[in-house]
Amino acid sequence: MRILSLSLVLLAMTCVPAVQAANAAAANNHPIAIVIHGGAGTISPKDMTPALEAEYRFMLRKALDTGYGVLKKGGTSLDAVQAAI
């Protein structure tokens, strides 16, 4: 769980520029986009169980959908990042 928390913190640090760009695009009636980063470092394949991978993917998808939803409703990039983490 600690690795997952670290991944979400890293997500916040790495997606701010992408979220800002998406917000600017939305303001100009362009499609919006959001990019997330799943963390840094390496998890050994022997340590990555199917259940752990499913948990990572679920949480990353949840962060992605949450941030995107904020932008889609006209929220700011900061709002999107805060909601995602």
N, C-alpha and C. Protein backbone atom coordinates (compact mmCIF):
# COMPACT_ATOMS: atom_id res chain seq x y z
N MET A 1 0.82 -1.19 0.00
CA MET A 1 0.00 0.00 0.00
C MET A 1 0.87 1.25 0.00
N ARG A 2 2.06 1.17 0.64
CA ARG A 2 2.96 2.33 0.67
C ARG A 2 3.42 2.68 -0.74
N ILE A 3 3.69 1.65 -1.55
CA ILE A 3 4.11 1.89 -2.93
C ILE A 3 2.98 2.55 -3.70
N LEU A 4 1.76 2.11 -3.48
CA LEU A 4 0.62 2.69 -4.16
C LEU A 4 0.45 4.15 -3.77
N SER A 5 0.62 4.49 -2.50
CA SER A 5 0.52 5.88 -2.06
C SER A 5 1.60 6.72 -2.71
N LEU A 6 2.82 6.18 -2.77
CA LEU A 6 3.92 6.89 -3.42
C LEU A 6 3.60 7.12 -4.89
N SER A 7 3.03 6.13 -5.53
CA SER A 7 2.67 6.26 -6.94
C SER A 7 1.67 7.38 -7.14
N LEU A 8 0.71 7.50 -6.25
CA LEU A 8 -0.29 8.55 -6.39
C LEU A 8 0.30 9.93 -6.12
N VAL A 9 1.27 10.02 -5.21
CA VAL A 9 1.95 11.29 -4.99
C VAL A 9 2.75 11.66 -6.24
N LEU A 10 3.43 10.70 -6.81
CA LEU A 10 4.18 10.95 -8.03
C LEU A 10 3.24 11.32 -9.17
N LEU A 11 2.08 10.74 -9.18
CA LEU A 11 1.07 11.10 -10.16
C LEU A 11 0.78 12.59 -10.09
N ALA A 12 0.60 13.10 -8.91
CA ALA A 12 0.28 14.52 -8.74
C ALA A 12 1.40 15.38 -9.27
N MET A 13 2.64 14.98 -9.02
CA MET A 13 3.78 15.79 -9.44
C MET A 13 3.98 15.74 -10.95
N THR A 14 3.62 14.64 -11.58
CA THR A 14 3.91 14.49 -13.00
C THR A 14 2.78 14.88 -13.92
N CYS A 15 1.57 14.95 -13.42
CA CYS A 15 0.46 15.23 -14.34
C CYS A 15 0.03 16.68 -14.34
N VAL A 16 0.62 17.52 -13.51
CA VAL A 16 0.21 18.92 -13.47
C VAL A 16 0.33 19.59 -14.83
N PRO A 17 1.48 19.48 -15.55
CA PRO A 17 1.54 20.13 -16.86
C PRO A 17 0.51 19.59 -17.84
N ALA A 18 0.28 18.30 -17.83
CA ALA A 18 -0.71 17.72 -18.74
C ALA A 18 -2.11 18.20 -18.41
N VAL A 19 -2.40 18.29 -17.13
CA VAL A 19 -3.72 18.75 -16.71
C VAL A 19 -3.90 20.22 -17.06
N GLN A 20 -2.86 21.03 -16.89
CA GLN A 20 -2.94 22.43 -17.24
C GLN A 20 -3.19 22.59 -18.74
N ALA A 21 -2.50 21.80 -19.54
CA ALA A 21 -2.71 21.86 -20.99
C ALA A 21 -4.13 21.43 -21.35
N ALA A 22 -4.62 20.41 -20.68
CA ALA A 22 -5.98 19.94 -20.94
C ALA A 22 -7.00 21.00 -20.57
N ASN A 23 -6.77 21.67 -19.46
CA ASN A 23 -7.69 22.71 -19.02
C ASN A 23 -7.71 23.87 -20.01
N ALA A 24 -6.54 24.25 -20.49
CA ALA A 24 -6.46 25.33 -21.48
C ALA A 24 -7.18 24.94 -22.76
N ALA A 25 -7.01 23.70 -23.17
CA ALA A 25 -7.69 23.21 -24.37
C ALA A 25 -9.20 23.22 -24.19
N ALA A 26 -9.66 22.82 -23.03
CA ALA A 26 -11.10 22.80 -22.76
C ALA A 26 -11.68 24.21 -22.82
N ALA A 27 -10.91 25.18 -22.37
CA ALA A 27 -11.38 26.56 -22.39
C ALA A 27 -11.56 27.06 -23.82
N ASN A 28 -10.86 26.44 -24.76
CA ASN A 28 -10.95 26.83 -26.17
C ASN A 28 -11.85 25.88 -26.96
N ASN A 29 -12.71 25.15 -26.28
CA ASN A 29 -13.62 24.19 -26.92
C ASN A 29 -12.90 23.07 -27.66
N HIS A 30 -11.76 22.70 -27.17
CA HIS A 30 -11.04 21.56 -27.72
C HIS A 30 -11.21 20.38 -26.78
N PRO A 31 -11.03 19.19 -27.31
CA PRO A 31 -11.11 18.02 -26.42
C PRO A 31 -10.07 18.12 -25.31
N ILE A 32 -10.39 17.58 -24.16
CA ILE A 32 -9.43 17.58 -23.06
C ILE A 32 -8.79 16.21 -22.95
N ALA A 33 -7.66 16.20 -22.29
CA ALA A 33 -6.94 14.94 -22.06
C ALA A 33 -6.24 15.04 -20.72
N ILE A 34 -5.96 13.89 -20.16
CA ILE A 34 -5.21 13.85 -18.91
C ILE A 34 -4.25 12.67 -19.01
N VAL A 35 -3.07 12.86 -18.46
CA VAL A 35 -2.04 11.83 -18.47
C VAL A 35 -1.63 11.56 -17.04
N ILE A 36 -1.49 10.30 -16.69
CA ILE A 36 -1.03 9.95 -15.36
C ILE A 36 0.26 9.15 -15.49
N HIS A 37 0.99 9.11 -14.41
CA HIS A 37 2.23 8.34 -14.34
C HIS A 37 2.07 7.35 -13.20
N GLY A 38 2.35 6.11 -13.47
CA GLY A 38 2.11 5.06 -12.51
C GLY A 38 3.15 4.89 -11.43
N GLY A 39 4.08 5.79 -11.32
CA GLY A 39 5.10 5.69 -10.27
C GLY A 39 6.49 5.64 -10.85
N ALA A 40 7.43 5.50 -9.98
CA ALA A 40 8.83 5.45 -10.38
C ALA A 40 9.45 4.20 -9.76
N GLY A 41 10.53 3.78 -10.33
CA GLY A 41 11.20 2.60 -9.79
C GLY A 41 10.69 1.34 -10.46
N THR A 42 11.11 0.25 -9.93
CA THR A 42 10.77 -1.03 -10.53
C THR A 42 10.21 -1.96 -9.48
N ILE A 43 9.18 -2.65 -9.85
CA ILE A 43 8.66 -3.74 -9.03
C ILE A 43 9.07 -5.01 -9.75
N SER A 44 9.77 -5.84 -9.05
CA SER A 44 10.22 -7.09 -9.63
C SER A 44 9.01 -7.91 -10.08
N PRO A 45 9.09 -8.49 -11.28
CA PRO A 45 7.97 -9.31 -11.75
C PRO A 45 7.60 -10.43 -10.78
N LYS A 46 8.57 -10.93 -10.03
CA LYS A 46 8.26 -12.00 -9.08
C LYS A 46 7.44 -11.48 -7.90
N ASP A 47 7.49 -10.16 -7.65
CA ASP A 47 6.73 -9.55 -6.56
C ASP A 47 5.37 -9.02 -7.00
N MET A 48 5.14 -8.98 -8.31
CA MET A 48 3.89 -8.44 -8.83
C MET A 48 2.90 -9.57 -9.06
N THR A 49 2.05 -9.75 -8.10
CA THR A 49 1.01 -10.78 -8.22
C THR A 49 -0.13 -10.24 -9.07
N PRO A 50 -0.95 -11.09 -9.61
CA PRO A 50 -2.11 -10.62 -10.36
C PRO A 50 -3.01 -9.72 -9.52
N ALA A 51 -3.16 -10.03 -8.25
CA ALA A 51 -3.99 -9.20 -7.37
C ALA A 51 -3.39 -7.82 -7.17
N LEU A 52 -2.07 -7.75 -6.99
CA LEU A 52 -1.40 -6.46 -6.81
C LEU A 52 -1.48 -5.63 -8.09
N GLU A 53 -1.27 -6.28 -9.22
CA GLU A 53 -1.38 -5.56 -10.49
C GLU A 53 -2.79 -5.02 -10.69
N ALA A 54 -3.78 -5.82 -10.34
CA ALA A 54 -5.17 -5.38 -10.47
C ALA A 54 -5.45 -4.18 -9.57
N GLU A 55 -4.87 -4.18 -8.36
CA GLU A 55 -5.05 -3.05 -7.44
C GLU A 55 -4.40 -1.79 -8.01
N TYR A 56 -3.18 -1.93 -8.54
CA TYR A 56 -2.51 -0.78 -9.16
C TYR A 56 -3.35 -0.23 -10.30
N ARG A 57 -3.78 -1.09 -11.19
CA ARG A 57 -4.55 -0.64 -12.35
C ARG A 57 -5.87 0.01 -11.93
N PHE A 58 -6.52 -0.56 -10.93
CA PHE A 58 -7.78 0.01 -10.44
C PHE A 58 -7.56 1.42 -9.91
N MET A 59 -6.54 1.59 -9.07
CA MET A 59 -6.30 2.90 -8.46
C MET A 59 -5.85 3.93 -9.51
N LEU A 60 -5.04 3.51 -10.46
CA LEU A 60 -4.63 4.43 -11.52
C LEU A 60 -5.82 4.84 -12.37
N ARG A 61 -6.68 3.90 -12.68
CA ARG A 61 -7.88 4.22 -13.47
C ARG A 61 -8.81 5.15 -12.69
N LYS A 62 -8.92 4.90 -11.40
CA LYS A 62 -9.76 5.75 -10.54
C LYS A 62 -9.21 7.18 -10.54
N ALA A 63 -7.90 7.33 -10.40
CA ALA A 63 -7.28 8.66 -10.42
C ALA A 63 -7.50 9.34 -11.77
N LEU A 64 -7.32 8.58 -12.84
CA LEU A 64 -7.51 9.11 -14.18
C LEU A 64 -8.94 9.59 -14.39
N ASP A 65 -9.89 8.75 -14.05
CA ASP A 65 -11.31 9.11 -14.24
C ASP A 65 -11.72 10.29 -13.37
N THR A 66 -11.20 10.34 -12.15
CA THR A 66 -11.55 11.43 -11.24
C THR A 66 -11.02 12.76 -11.77
N GLY A 67 -9.75 12.79 -12.13
CA GLY A 67 -9.15 14.02 -12.66
C GLY A 67 -9.82 14.47 -13.94
N TYR A 68 -10.09 13.53 -14.82
CA TYR A 68 -10.75 13.86 -16.09
C TYR A 68 -12.14 14.42 -15.85
N GLY A 69 -12.84 13.82 -14.91
CA GLY A 69 -14.19 14.30 -14.60
C GLY A 69 -14.19 15.75 -14.13
N VAL A 70 -13.20 16.11 -13.34
CA VAL A 70 -13.10 17.51 -12.88
C VAL A 70 -12.86 18.44 -14.07
N LEU A 71 -11.95 18.06 -14.95
CA LEU A 71 -11.68 18.90 -16.12
C LEU A 71 -12.89 18.99 -17.04
N LYS A 72 -13.58 17.89 -17.21
CA LYS A 72 -14.75 17.85 -18.09
C LYS A 72 -15.83 18.81 -17.60
N LYS A 73 -15.91 18.99 -16.28
CA LYS A 73 -16.91 19.90 -15.71
C LYS A 73 -16.40 21.34 -15.65
N GLY A 74 -15.21 21.60 -16.21
CA GLY A 74 -14.68 22.96 -16.24
C GLY A 74 -13.79 23.31 -15.05
N GLY A 75 -13.43 22.32 -14.24
CA GLY A 75 -12.55 22.58 -13.10
C GLY A 75 -11.16 22.96 -13.53
N THR A 76 -10.42 23.50 -12.60
CA THR A 76 -9.05 23.89 -12.87
C THR A 76 -8.12 22.69 -12.83
N SER A 77 -6.92 22.87 -13.34
CA SER A 77 -5.94 21.80 -13.28
C SER A 77 -5.60 21.44 -11.84
N LEU A 78 -5.53 22.43 -10.99
CA LEU A 78 -5.24 22.17 -9.57
C LEU A 78 -6.36 21.35 -8.94
N ASP A 79 -7.59 21.71 -9.26
CA ASP A 79 -8.74 20.93 -8.76
C ASP A 79 -8.64 19.48 -9.21
N ALA A 80 -8.27 19.26 -10.47
CA ALA A 80 -8.19 17.92 -11.02
C ALA A 80 -7.11 17.10 -10.32
N VAL A 81 -5.95 17.71 -10.10
CA VAL A 81 -4.86 17.00 -9.43
C VAL A 81 -5.24 16.65 -7.99
N GLN A 82 -5.81 17.63 -7.29
CA GLN A 82 -6.20 17.37 -5.91
C GLN A 82 -7.25 16.27 -5.83
N ALA A 83 -8.18 16.27 -6.74
CA ALA A 83 -9.22 15.24 -6.72
C ALA A 83 -8.63 13.87 -7.07
N ALA A 84 -7.67 13.86 -7.97
CA ALA A 84 -7.09 12.59 -8.42
C ALA A 84 -6.28 11.91 -7.33
N ILE A 85 -5.61 12.72 -6.50
CA ILE A 85 -4.79 12.10 -5.45
C ILE A 85 -5.58 11.96 -4.17
